[in-house]
Amino acid sequence: MAKTQRKVQADGILLQCRAPEARQVFLAGTFNNWDSRANPMEPAGDGVWSLRLALPPGRHEYKFLIDGEWCCTPGDDQSVCNCVPNAFGTMNLIIEIPEVRSL
């Protein structure tokens, strides 16, 4: 079972996926033209995989590739996750990166 977590910080967004049995986890989405090998995630301990990305403001869709299988949020309740349907009949996670406004 995989769980996801996101943390927006000044130096980018930290995306995390809990996949304790995984051997490899990659992140793909609209920000990298869905390239399944462009963004490998690193093990962070306790079955958590993480990657920090500096994404431009706007809406981004993404998924994890866990040991060769596309994964949105298995084990999570789809009714409460931040997901949208895609053209393949499955779901994509979405994240909105706000514009940074200076004073």
PDB file of N, CA and C in Angstrom:
ATOM      1  N   MET A   1       0.846  -1.171   0.000  1.00  0.00           N
ATOM      2  CA  MET A   1       0.000   0.000   0.000  1.00  0.00           C
ATOM      3  C   MET A   1       0.895   1.239   0.000  1.00  0.00           C
ATOM      4  N   ALA A   2       0.535   2.211  -0.808  1.00  0.00           N
ATOM      5  CA  ALA A   2       1.304   3.450  -0.896  1.00  0.00           C
ATOM      6  C   ALA A   2       0.448   4.603  -0.397  1.00  0.00           C
ATOM      7  N   LYS A   3       1.065   5.511   0.302  1.00  0.00           N
ATOM      8  CA  LYS A   3       0.413   6.739   0.764  1.00  0.00           C
ATOM      9  C   LYS A   3       1.231   7.907   0.251  1.00  0.00           C
ATOM     10  N   THR A   4       0.572   9.030   0.012  1.00  0.00           N
ATOM     11  CA  THR A   4       1.279  10.192  -0.519  1.00  0.00           C
ATOM     12  C   THR A   4       1.225  11.348   0.461  1.00  0.00           C
ATOM     13  N   GLN A   5       2.210  12.235   0.337  1.00  0.00           N
ATOM     14  CA  GLN A   5       2.252  13.439   1.159  1.00  0.00           C
ATOM     15  C   GLN A   5       2.942  14.526   0.359  1.00  0.00           C
ATOM     16  N   ARG A   6       2.478  15.778   0.550  1.00  0.00           N
ATOM     17  CA  ARG A   6       3.066  16.926  -0.142  1.00  0.00           C
ATOM     18  C   ARG A   6       3.305  18.036   0.856  1.00  0.00           C
ATOM     19  N   LYS A   7       4.452  18.711   0.710  1.00  0.00           N
ATOM     20  CA  LYS A   7       4.771  19.853   1.563  1.00  0.00           C
ATOM     21  C   LYS A   7       5.365  20.940   0.690  1.00  0.00           C
ATOM     22  N   VAL A   8       4.664  22.068   0.565  1.00  0.00           N
ATOM     23  CA  VAL A   8       5.169  23.195  -0.215  1.00  0.00           C
ATOM     24  C   VAL A   8       6.047  24.038   0.690  1.00  0.00           C
ATOM     25  N   GLN A   9       7.281  24.299   0.242  1.00  0.00           N
ATOM     26  CA  GLN A   9       8.223  25.109   1.002  1.00  0.00           C
ATOM     27  C   GLN A   9       8.885  26.095   0.047  1.00  0.00           C
ATOM     28  N   ALA A  10       9.632  27.017   0.581  1.00  0.00           N
ATOM     29  CA  ALA A  10      10.256  28.060  -0.232  1.00  0.00           C
ATOM     30  C   ALA A  10      11.198  27.496  -1.292  1.00  0.00           C
ATOM     31  N   ASP A  11      11.860  26.391  -1.000  1.00  0.00           N
ATOM     32  CA  ASP A  11      12.818  25.820  -1.955  1.00  0.00           C
ATOM     33  C   ASP A  11      12.204  24.727  -2.825  1.00  0.00           C
ATOM     34  N   GLY A  12      10.904  24.693  -2.923  1.00  0.00           N
ATOM     35  CA  GLY A  12      10.220  23.716  -3.770  1.00  0.00           C
ATOM     36  C   GLY A  12       9.204  22.919  -2.984  1.00  0.00           C
ATOM     37  N   ILE A  13       8.667  21.937  -3.652  1.00  0.00           N
ATOM     38  CA  ILE A  13       7.679  21.078  -3.013  1.00  0.00           C
ATOM     39  C   ILE A  13       8.306  19.724  -2.743  1.00  0.00           C
ATOM     40  N   LEU A  14       8.074  19.219  -1.556  1.00  0.00           N
ATOM     41  CA  LEU A  14       8.559  17.900  -1.188  1.00  0.00           C
ATOM     42  C   LEU A  14       7.405  16.933  -1.403  1.00  0.00           C
ATOM     43  N   LEU A  15       7.578  16.029  -2.355  1.00  0.00           N
ATOM     44  CA  LEU A  15       6.582  15.003  -2.631  1.00  0.00           C
ATOM     45  C   LEU A  15       7.081  13.700  -2.030  1.00  0.00           C
ATOM     46  N   GLN A  16       6.199  13.020  -1.324  1.00  0.00           N
ATOM     47  CA  GLN A  16       6.573  11.775  -0.673  1.00  0.00           C
ATOM     48  C   GLN A  16       5.539  10.701  -0.969  1.00  0.00           C
ATOM     49  N   CYS A  17       6.010   9.492  -1.023  1.00  0.00           N
ATOM     50  CA  CYS A  17       5.161   8.340  -1.267  1.00  0.00           C
ATOM     51  C   CYS A  17       5.594   7.238  -0.318  1.00  0.00           C
ATOM     52  N   ARG A  18       4.662   6.702   0.440  1.00  0.00           N
ATOM     53  CA  ARG A  18       4.988   5.577   1.319  1.00  0.00           C
ATOM     54  C   ARG A  18       4.706   4.293   0.550  1.00  0.00           C
ATOM     55  N   ALA A  19       5.781   3.602   0.205  1.00  0.00           N
ATOM     56  CA  ALA A  19       5.698   2.335  -0.523  1.00  0.00           C
ATOM     57  C   ALA A  19       6.777   1.410   0.032  1.00  0.00           C
ATOM     58  N   PRO A  20       6.512   0.794   1.191  1.00  0.00           N
ATOM     59  CA  PRO A  20       7.549   0.049   1.899  1.00  0.00           C
ATOM     60  C   PRO A  20       8.133  -1.138   1.136  1.00  0.00           C
ATOM     61  N   GLU A  21       7.383  -1.720   0.242  1.00  0.00           N
ATOM     62  CA  GLU A  21       7.867  -2.895  -0.486  1.00  0.00           C
ATOM     63  C   GLU A  21       8.555  -2.531  -1.802  1.00  0.00           C
ATOM     64  N   ALA A  22       8.557  -1.264  -2.176  1.00  0.00           N
ATOM     65  CA  ALA A  22       9.066  -0.840  -3.484  1.00  0.00           C
ATOM     66  C   ALA A  22      10.584  -0.976  -3.587  1.00  0.00           C
ATOM     67  N   ARG A  23      11.026  -1.288  -4.802  1.00  0.00           N
ATOM     68  CA  ARG A  23      12.451  -1.307  -5.110  1.00  0.00           C
ATOM     69  C   ARG A  23      12.860  -0.036  -5.846  1.00  0.00           C
ATOM     70  N   GLN A  24      11.909   0.545  -6.642  1.00  0.00           N
ATOM     71  CA  GLN A  24      12.152   1.791  -7.370  1.00  0.00           C
ATOM     72  C   GLN A  24      10.867   2.591  -7.406  1.00  0.00           C
ATOM     73  N   VAL A  25      10.999   3.902  -7.250  1.00  0.00           N
ATOM     74  CA  VAL A  25       9.846   4.801  -7.366  1.00  0.00           C
ATOM     75  C   VAL A  25      10.286   6.013  -8.191  1.00  0.00           C
ATOM     76  N   PHE A  26       9.479   6.331  -9.195  1.00  0.00           N
ATOM     77  CA  PHE A  26       9.713   7.500 -10.033  1.00  0.00           C
ATOM     78  C   PHE A  26       8.482   8.390  -9.957  1.00  0.00           C
ATOM     79  N   LEU A  27       8.660   9.663 -10.249  1.00  0.00           N
ATOM     80  CA  LEU A  27       7.576  10.628 -10.282  1.00  0.00           C
ATOM     81  C   LEU A  27       7.463  11.162 -11.707  1.00  0.00           C
ATOM     82  N   ALA A  28       6.259  11.137 -12.251  1.00  0.00           N
ATOM     83  CA  ALA A  28       6.030  11.647 -13.604  1.00  0.00           C
ATOM     84  C   ALA A  28       4.775  12.485 -13.601  1.00  0.00           C
ATOM     85  N   GLY A  29       4.764  13.510 -14.460  1.00  0.00           N
ATOM     86  CA  GLY A  29       3.584  14.358 -14.518  1.00  0.00           C
ATOM     87  C   GLY A  29       3.681  15.379 -15.631  1.00  0.00           C
ATOM     88  N   THR A  30       2.762  16.313 -15.578  1.00  0.00           N
ATOM     89  CA  THR A  30       2.716  17.353 -16.597  1.00  0.00           C
ATOM     90  C   THR A  30       3.979  18.204 -16.595  1.00  0.00           C
ATOM     91  N   PHE A  31       4.662  18.278 -15.458  1.00  0.00           N
ATOM     92  CA  PHE A  31       5.875  19.093 -15.319  1.00  0.00           C
ATOM     93  C   PHE A  31       7.092  18.470 -16.011  1.00  0.00           C
ATOM     94  N   ASN A  32       7.045  17.168 -16.356  1.00  0.00           N
ATOM     95  CA  ASN A  32       8.170  16.542 -17.060  1.00  0.00           C
ATOM     96  C   ASN A  32       7.692  15.752 -18.293  1.00  0.00           C
ATOM     97  N   ASN A  33       6.534  16.178 -18.833  1.00  0.00           N
ATOM     98  CA  ASN A  33       5.952  15.558 -20.017  1.00  0.00           C
ATOM     99  C   ASN A  33       5.715  14.057 -19.812  1.00  0.00           C
ATOM    100  N   TRP A  34       5.368  13.685 -18.578  1.00  0.00           N
ATOM    101  CA  TRP A  34       5.051  12.310 -18.207  1.00  0.00           C
ATOM    102  C   TRP A  34       6.208  11.342 -18.485  1.00  0.00           C
ATOM    103  N   ASP A  35       7.428  11.846 -18.352  1.00  0.00           N
ATOM    104  CA  ASP A  35       8.611  10.999 -18.549  1.00  0.00           C
ATOM    105  C   ASP A  35       8.773  10.112 -17.312  1.00  0.00           C
ATOM    106  N   SER A  36       8.564   8.827 -17.484  1.00  0.00           N
ATOM    107  CA  SER A  36       8.539   7.903 -16.351  1.00  0.00           C
ATOM    108  C   SER A  36       9.905   7.659 -15.713  1.00  0.00           C
ATOM    109  N   ARG A  37      10.976   8.150 -16.303  1.00  0.00           N
ATOM    110  CA  ARG A  37      12.319   7.949 -15.741  1.00  0.00           C
ATOM    111  C   ARG A  37      13.025   9.256 -15.389  1.00  0.00           C
ATOM    112  N   ALA A  38      12.396  10.392 -15.634  1.00  0.00           N
ATOM    113  CA  ALA A  38      13.045  11.692 -15.445  1.00  0.00           C
ATOM    114  C   ALA A  38      13.280  12.050 -13.982  1.00  0.00           C
ATOM    115  N   ASN A  39      12.405  11.621 -13.092  1.00  0.00           N
ATOM    116  CA  ASN A  39      12.492  12.041 -11.699  1.00  0.00           C
ATOM    117  C   ASN A  39      12.469  10.849 -10.747  1.00  0.00           C
ATOM    118  N   PRO A  40      13.629  10.202 -10.537  1.00  0.00           N
ATOM    119  CA  PRO A  40      13.663   9.108  -9.562  1.00  0.00           C
ATOM    120  C   PRO A  40      13.518   9.655  -8.145  1.00  0.00           C
ATOM    121  N   MET A  41      12.789   8.932  -7.330  1.00  0.00           N
ATOM    122  CA  MET A  41      12.629   9.314  -5.930  1.00  0.00           C
ATOM    123  C   MET A  41      13.659   8.548  -5.108  1.00  0.00           C
ATOM    124  N   GLU A  42      14.007   9.109  -3.968  1.00  0.00           N
ATOM    125  CA  GLU A  42      15.022   8.514  -3.094  1.00  0.00           C
ATOM    126  C   GLU A  42      14.359   7.939  -1.847  1.00  0.00           C
ATOM    127  N   PRO A  43      14.856   6.785  -1.371  1.00  0.00           N
ATOM    128  CA  PRO A  43      14.329   6.266  -0.106  1.00  0.00           C
ATOM    129  C   PRO A  43      14.699   7.201   1.034  1.00  0.00           C
ATOM    130  N   ALA A  44      13.723   7.496   1.882  1.00  0.00           N
ATOM    131  CA  ALA A  44      13.939   8.421   2.997  1.00  0.00           C
ATOM    132  C   ALA A  44      13.789   7.731   4.349  1.00  0.00           C
ATOM    133  N   GLY A  45      13.646   6.404   4.345  1.00  0.00           N
ATOM    134  CA  GLY A  45      13.497   5.656   5.587  1.00  0.00           C
ATOM    135  C   GLY A  45      12.056   5.295   5.866  1.00  0.00           C
ATOM    136  N   ASP A  46      11.866   4.209   6.577  1.00  0.00           N
ATOM    137  CA  ASP A  46      10.539   3.721   6.968  1.00  0.00           C
ATOM    138  C   ASP A  46       9.603   3.522   5.783  1.00  0.00           C
ATOM    139  N   GLY A  47      10.141   3.129   4.627  1.00  0.00           N
ATOM    140  CA  GLY A  47       9.310   2.865   3.457  1.00  0.00           C
ATOM    141  C   GLY A  47       8.840   4.093   2.717  1.00  0.00           C
ATOM    142  N   VAL A  48       9.356   5.262   3.095  1.00  0.00           N
ATOM    143  CA  VAL A  48       8.962   6.520   2.452  1.00  0.00           C
ATOM    144  C   VAL A  48       9.980   6.858   1.361  1.00  0.00           C
ATOM    145  N   TRP A  49       9.475   7.272   0.212  1.00  0.00           N
ATOM    146  CA  TRP A  49      10.298   7.741  -0.908  1.00  0.00           C
ATOM    147  C   TRP A  49      10.007   9.223  -1.079  1.00  0.00           C
ATOM    148  N   SER A  50      11.023  10.021  -1.378  1.00  0.00           N
ATOM    149  CA  SER A  50      10.790  11.464  -1.471  1.00  0.00           C
ATOM    150  C   SER A  50      11.589  12.093  -2.605  1.00  0.00           C
ATOM    151  N   LEU A  51      11.095  13.258  -3.019  1.00  0.00           N
ATOM    152  CA  LEU A  51      11.747  14.047  -4.052  1.00  0.00           C
ATOM    153  C   LEU A  51      11.294  15.486  -3.891  1.00  0.00           C
ATOM    154  N   ARG A  52      12.245  16.409  -3.912  1.00  0.00           N
ATOM    155  CA  ARG A  52      11.921  17.833  -3.860  1.00  0.00           C
ATOM    156  C   ARG A  52      12.044  18.404  -5.266  1.00  0.00           C
ATOM    157  N   LEU A  53      10.993  19.097  -5.708  1.00  0.00           N
ATOM    158  CA  LEU A  53      10.965  19.710  -7.031  1.00  0.00           C
ATOM    159  C   LEU A  53      10.636  21.188  -6.911  1.00  0.00           C
ATOM    160  N   ALA A  54      11.268  21.988  -7.741  1.00  0.00           N
ATOM    161  CA  ALA A  54      10.912  23.403  -7.859  1.00  0.00           C
ATOM    162  C   ALA A  54       9.961  23.496  -9.051  1.00  0.00           C
ATOM    163  N   LEU A  55       8.677  23.570  -8.777  1.00  0.00           N
ATOM    164  CA  LEU A  55       7.670  23.629  -9.834  1.00  0.00           C
ATOM    165  C   LEU A  55       7.210  25.058 -10.049  1.00  0.00           C
ATOM    166  N   PRO A  56       6.914  25.418 -11.291  1.00  0.00           N
ATOM    167  CA  PRO A  56       6.390  26.754 -11.548  1.00  0.00           C
ATOM    168  C   PRO A  56       4.958  26.876 -11.015  1.00  0.00           C
ATOM    169  N   PRO A  57       4.500  28.093 -10.782  1.00  0.00           N
ATOM    170  CA  PRO A  57       3.120  28.280 -10.336  1.00  0.00           C
ATOM    171  C   PRO A  57       2.138  27.679 -11.346  1.00  0.00           C
ATOM    172  N   GLY A  58       1.025  27.205 -10.820  1.00  0.00           N
ATOM    173  CA  GLY A  58      -0.019  26.639 -11.668  1.00  0.00           C
ATOM    174  C   GLY A  58      -0.433  25.262 -11.186  1.00  0.00           C
ATOM    175  N   ARG A  59      -1.271  24.646 -11.975  1.00  0.00           N
ATOM    176  CA  ARG A  59      -1.800  23.314 -11.652  1.00  0.00           C
ATOM    177  C   ARG A  59      -0.956  22.254 -12.348  1.00  0.00           C
ATOM    178  N   HIS A  60      -0.572  21.238 -11.585  1.00  0.00           N
ATOM    179  CA  HIS A  60       0.235  20.141 -12.102  1.00  0.00           C
ATOM    180  C   HIS A  60      -0.449  18.816 -11.761  1.00  0.00           C
ATOM    181  N   GLU A  61      -0.473  17.904 -12.724  1.00  0.00           N
ATOM    182  CA  GLU A  61      -0.968  16.550 -12.493  1.00  0.00           C
ATOM    183  C   GLU A  61       0.232  15.615 -12.464  1.00  0.00           C
ATOM    184  N   TYR A  62       0.141  14.562 -11.637  1.00  0.00           N
ATOM    185  CA  TYR A  62       1.261  13.634 -11.529  1.00  0.00           C
ATOM    186  C   TYR A  62       0.812  12.281 -11.009  1.00  0.00           C
ATOM    187  N   LYS A  63       1.711  11.309 -11.163  1.00  0.00           N
ATOM    188  CA  LYS A  63       1.536   9.958 -10.638  1.00  0.00           C
ATOM    189  C   LYS A  63       2.912   9.421 -10.253  1.00  0.00           C
ATOM    190  N   PHE A  64       2.884   8.345  -9.499  1.00  0.00           N
ATOM    191  CA  PHE A  64       4.100   7.631  -9.151  1.00  0.00           C
ATOM    192  C   PHE A  64       4.196   6.384 -10.021  1.00  0.00           C
ATOM    193  N   LEU A  65       5.410   5.989 -10.334  1.00  0.00           N
ATOM    194  CA  LEU A  65       5.670   4.727 -11.015  1.00  0.00           C
ATOM    195  C   LEU A  65       6.431   3.878 -10.006  1.00  0.00           C
ATOM    196  N   ILE A  66       5.731   2.929  -9.407  1.00  0.00           N
ATOM    197  CA  ILE A  66       6.295   2.106  -8.340  1.00  0.00           C
ATOM    198  C   ILE A  66       6.574   0.717  -8.900  1.00  0.00           C
ATOM    199  N   ASP A  67       7.840   0.375  -8.996  1.00  0.00           N
ATOM    200  CA  ASP A  67       8.269  -0.914  -9.557  1.00  0.00           C
ATOM    201  C   ASP A  67       7.557  -1.216 -10.876  1.00  0.00           C
ATOM    202  N   GLY A  68       7.474  -0.210 -11.741  1.00  0.00           N
ATOM    203  CA  GLY A  68       6.911  -0.387 -13.073  1.00  0.00           C
ATOM    204  C   GLY A  68       5.402  -0.262 -13.173  1.00  0.00           C
ATOM    205  N   GLU A  69       4.721  -0.011 -12.062  1.00  0.00           N
ATOM    206  CA  GLU A  69       3.260   0.113 -12.050  1.00  0.00           C
ATOM    207  C   GLU A  69       2.866   1.552 -11.738  1.00  0.00           C
ATOM    208  N   TRP A  70       2.020   2.134 -12.599  1.00  0.00           N
ATOM    209  CA  TRP A  70       1.513   3.486 -12.345  1.00  0.00           C
ATOM    210  C   TRP A  70       0.619   3.466 -11.121  1.00  0.00           C
ATOM    211  N   CYS A  71       0.776   4.468 -10.286  1.00  0.00           N
ATOM    212  CA  CYS A  71       0.058   4.501  -9.017  1.00  0.00           C
ATOM    213  C   CYS A  71      -0.327   5.938  -8.686  1.00  0.00           C
ATOM    214  N   CYS A  72      -1.591   6.135  -8.378  1.00  0.00           N
ATOM    215  CA  CYS A  72      -2.040   7.447  -7.916  1.00  0.00           C
ATOM    216  C   CYS A  72      -1.991   7.433  -6.390  1.00  0.00           C
ATOM    217  N   THR A  73      -2.921   6.795  -5.789  1.00  0.00           N
ATOM    218  CA  THR A  73      -2.941   6.703  -4.326  1.00  0.00           C
ATOM    219  C   THR A  73      -3.584   5.390  -3.876  1.00  0.00           C
ATOM    220  N   PRO A  74      -2.979   4.252  -4.174  1.00  0.00           N
ATOM    221  CA  PRO A  74      -3.594   3.010  -3.705  1.00  0.00           C
ATOM    222  C   PRO A  74      -3.660   2.989  -2.193  1.00  0.00           C
ATOM    223  N   GLY A  75      -4.770   2.513  -1.679  1.00  0.00           N
ATOM    224  CA  GLY A  75      -4.949   2.461  -0.240  1.00  0.00           C
ATOM    225  C   GLY A  75      -5.533   3.736   0.328  1.00  0.00           C
ATOM    226  N   ASP A  76      -5.454   4.845  -0.398  1.00  0.00           N
ATOM    227  CA  ASP A  76      -6.070   6.088   0.049  1.00  0.00           C
ATOM    228  C   ASP A  76      -7.522   6.105  -0.400  1.00  0.00           C
ATOM    229  N   ASP A  77      -8.347   6.791   0.312  1.00  0.00           N
ATOM    230  CA  ASP A  77      -9.743   6.969  -0.059  1.00  0.00           C
ATOM    231  C   ASP A  77      -9.822   7.971  -1.201  1.00  0.00           C
ATOM    232  N   GLN A  78     -10.187   7.509  -2.407  1.00  0.00           N
ATOM    233  CA  GLN A  78     -10.236   8.380  -3.577  1.00  0.00           C
ATOM    234  C   GLN A  78     -11.199   9.554  -3.390  1.00  0.00           C
ATOM    235  N   SER A  79     -12.187   9.403  -2.545  1.00  0.00           N
ATOM    236  CA  SER A  79     -13.160  10.488  -2.371  1.00  0.00           C
ATOM    237  C   SER A  79     -12.573  11.671  -1.610  1.00  0.00           C
ATOM    238  N   VAL A  80     -11.478  11.472  -0.888  1.00  0.00           N
ATOM    239  CA  VAL A  80     -10.885  12.583  -0.141  1.00  0.00           C
ATOM    240  C   VAL A  80      -9.515  12.990  -0.680  1.00  0.00           C
ATOM    241  N   CYS A  81      -9.000  12.259  -1.674  1.00  0.00           N
ATOM    242  CA  CYS A  81      -7.699  12.646  -2.221  1.00  0.00           C
ATOM    243  C   CYS A  81      -7.880  13.746  -3.250  1.00  0.00           C
ATOM    244  N   ASN A  82      -6.809  14.442  -3.545  1.00  0.00           N
ATOM    245  CA  ASN A  82      -6.819  15.528  -4.513  1.00  0.00           C
ATOM    246  C   ASN A  82      -6.498  14.940  -5.886  1.00  0.00           C
ATOM    247  N   CYS A  83      -7.467  14.204  -6.462  1.00  0.00           N
ATOM    248  CA  CYS A  83      -7.274  13.478  -7.707  1.00  0.00           C
ATOM    249  C   CYS A  83      -8.293  13.907  -8.756  1.00  0.00           C
ATOM    250  N   VAL A  84      -7.908  13.695 -10.016  1.00  0.00           N
ATOM    251  CA  VAL A  84      -8.810  13.951 -11.138  1.00  0.00           C
ATOM    252  C   VAL A  84      -8.712  12.778 -12.108  1.00  0.00           C
ATOM    253  N   PRO A  85      -9.791  12.484 -12.827  1.00  0.00           N
ATOM    254  CA  PRO A  85      -9.730  11.417 -13.829  1.00  0.00           C
ATOM    255  C   PRO A  85      -8.818  11.823 -14.988  1.00  0.00           C
ATOM    256  N   ASN A  86      -8.190  10.826 -15.595  1.00  0.00           N
ATOM    257  CA  ASN A  86      -7.361  11.092 -16.770  1.00  0.00           C
ATOM    258  C   ASN A  86      -7.945  10.376 -17.991  1.00  0.00           C
ATOM    259  N   ALA A  87      -7.323  10.538 -19.141  1.00  0.00           N
ATOM    260  CA  ALA A  87      -7.816   9.973 -20.398  1.00  0.00           C
ATOM    261  C   ALA A  87      -7.717   8.453 -20.452  1.00  0.00           C
ATOM    262  N   PHE A  88      -7.029   7.842 -19.515  1.00  0.00           N
ATOM    263  CA  PHE A  88      -6.843   6.392 -19.508  1.00  0.00           C
ATOM    264  C   PHE A  88      -7.821   5.675 -18.584  1.00  0.00           C
ATOM    265  N   GLY A  89      -8.763   6.427 -18.004  1.00  0.00           N
ATOM    266  CA  GLY A  89      -9.754   5.825 -17.120  1.00  0.00           C
ATOM    267  C   GLY A  89      -9.257   5.603 -15.706  1.00  0.00           C
ATOM    268  N   THR A  90      -8.110   6.172 -15.379  1.00  0.00           N
ATOM    269  CA  THR A  90      -7.597   6.095 -14.015  1.00  0.00           C
ATOM    270  C   THR A  90      -7.548   7.504 -13.439  1.00  0.00           C
ATOM    271  N   MET A  91      -6.838   7.679 -12.363  1.00  0.00           N
ATOM    272  CA  MET A  91      -6.784   8.971 -11.696  1.00  0.00           C
ATOM    273  C   MET A  91      -5.362   9.524 -11.692  1.00  0.00           C
ATOM    274  N   ASN A  92      -5.252  10.849 -11.650  1.00  0.00           N
ATOM    275  CA  ASN A  92      -3.987  11.557 -11.449  1.00  0.00           C
ATOM    276  C   ASN A  92      -4.117  12.413 -10.199  1.00  0.00           C
ATOM    277  N   LEU A  93      -3.032  12.533  -9.473  1.00  0.00           N
ATOM    278  CA  LEU A  93      -2.973  13.491  -8.377  1.00  0.00           C
ATOM    279  C   LEU A  93      -2.809  14.882  -8.969  1.00  0.00           C
ATOM    280  N   ILE A  94      -3.287  15.878  -8.267  1.00  0.00           N
ATOM    281  CA  ILE A  94      -3.084  17.259  -8.710  1.00  0.00           C
ATOM    282  C   ILE A  94      -2.522  18.077  -7.556  1.00  0.00           C
ATOM    283  N   ILE A  95      -1.755  19.081  -7.942  1.00  0.00           N
ATOM    284  CA  ILE A  95      -1.264  20.036  -6.954  1.00  0.00           C
ATOM    285  C   ILE A  95      -1.268  21.409  -7.599  1.00  0.00           C
ATOM    286  N   GLU A  96      -1.671  22.386  -6.826  1.00  0.00           N
ATOM    287  CA  GLU A  96      -1.688  23.783  -7.281  1.00  0.00           C
ATOM    288  C   GLU A  96      -0.552  24.519  -6.572  1.00  0.00           C
ATOM    289  N   ILE A  97       0.344  25.086  -7.366  1.00  0.00           N
ATOM    290  CA  ILE A  97       1.434  25.888  -6.825  1.00  0.00           C
ATOM    291  C   ILE A  97       1.034  27.355  -6.973  1.00  0.00           C
ATOM    292  N   PRO A  98       0.906  28.059  -5.866  1.00  0.00           N
ATOM    293  CA  PRO A  98       0.459  29.456  -5.935  1.00  0.00           C
ATOM    294  C   PRO A  98       1.542  30.391  -6.478  1.00  0.00           C
ATOM    295  N   GLU A  99       1.094  31.490  -7.044  1.00  0.00           N
ATOM    296  CA  GLU A  99       2.011  32.569  -7.446  1.00  0.00           C
ATOM    297  C   GLU A  99       2.640  33.147  -6.189  1.00  0.00           C
ATOM    298  N   VAL A 100       3.920  33.453  -6.253  1.00  0.00           N
ATOM    299  CA  VAL A 100       4.591  34.110  -5.143  1.00  0.00           C
ATOM    300  C   VAL A 100       4.456  35.609  -5.352  1.00  0.00           C
ATOM    301  N   ARG A 101       3.891  36.266  -4.394  1.00  0.00           N
ATOM    302  CA  ARG A 101       3.694  37.714  -4.503  1.00  0.00           C
ATOM    303  C   ARG A 101       4.675  38.444  -3.605  1.00  0.00           C
ATOM    304  N   SER A 102       5.348  39.394  -4.177  1.00  0.00           N
ATOM    305  CA  SER A 102       6.270  40.197  -3.376  1.00  0.00           C
ATOM    306  C   SER A 102       5.558  41.425  -2.853  1.00  0.00           C
ATOM    307  N   LEU A 103       6.031  41.929  -1.737  1.00  0.00           N
ATOM    308  CA  LEU A 103       5.418  43.103  -1.111  1.00  0.00           C
ATOM    309  C   LEU A 103       5.968  44.384  -1.659  1.00  0.00           C
TER     310      LEU A 103
END
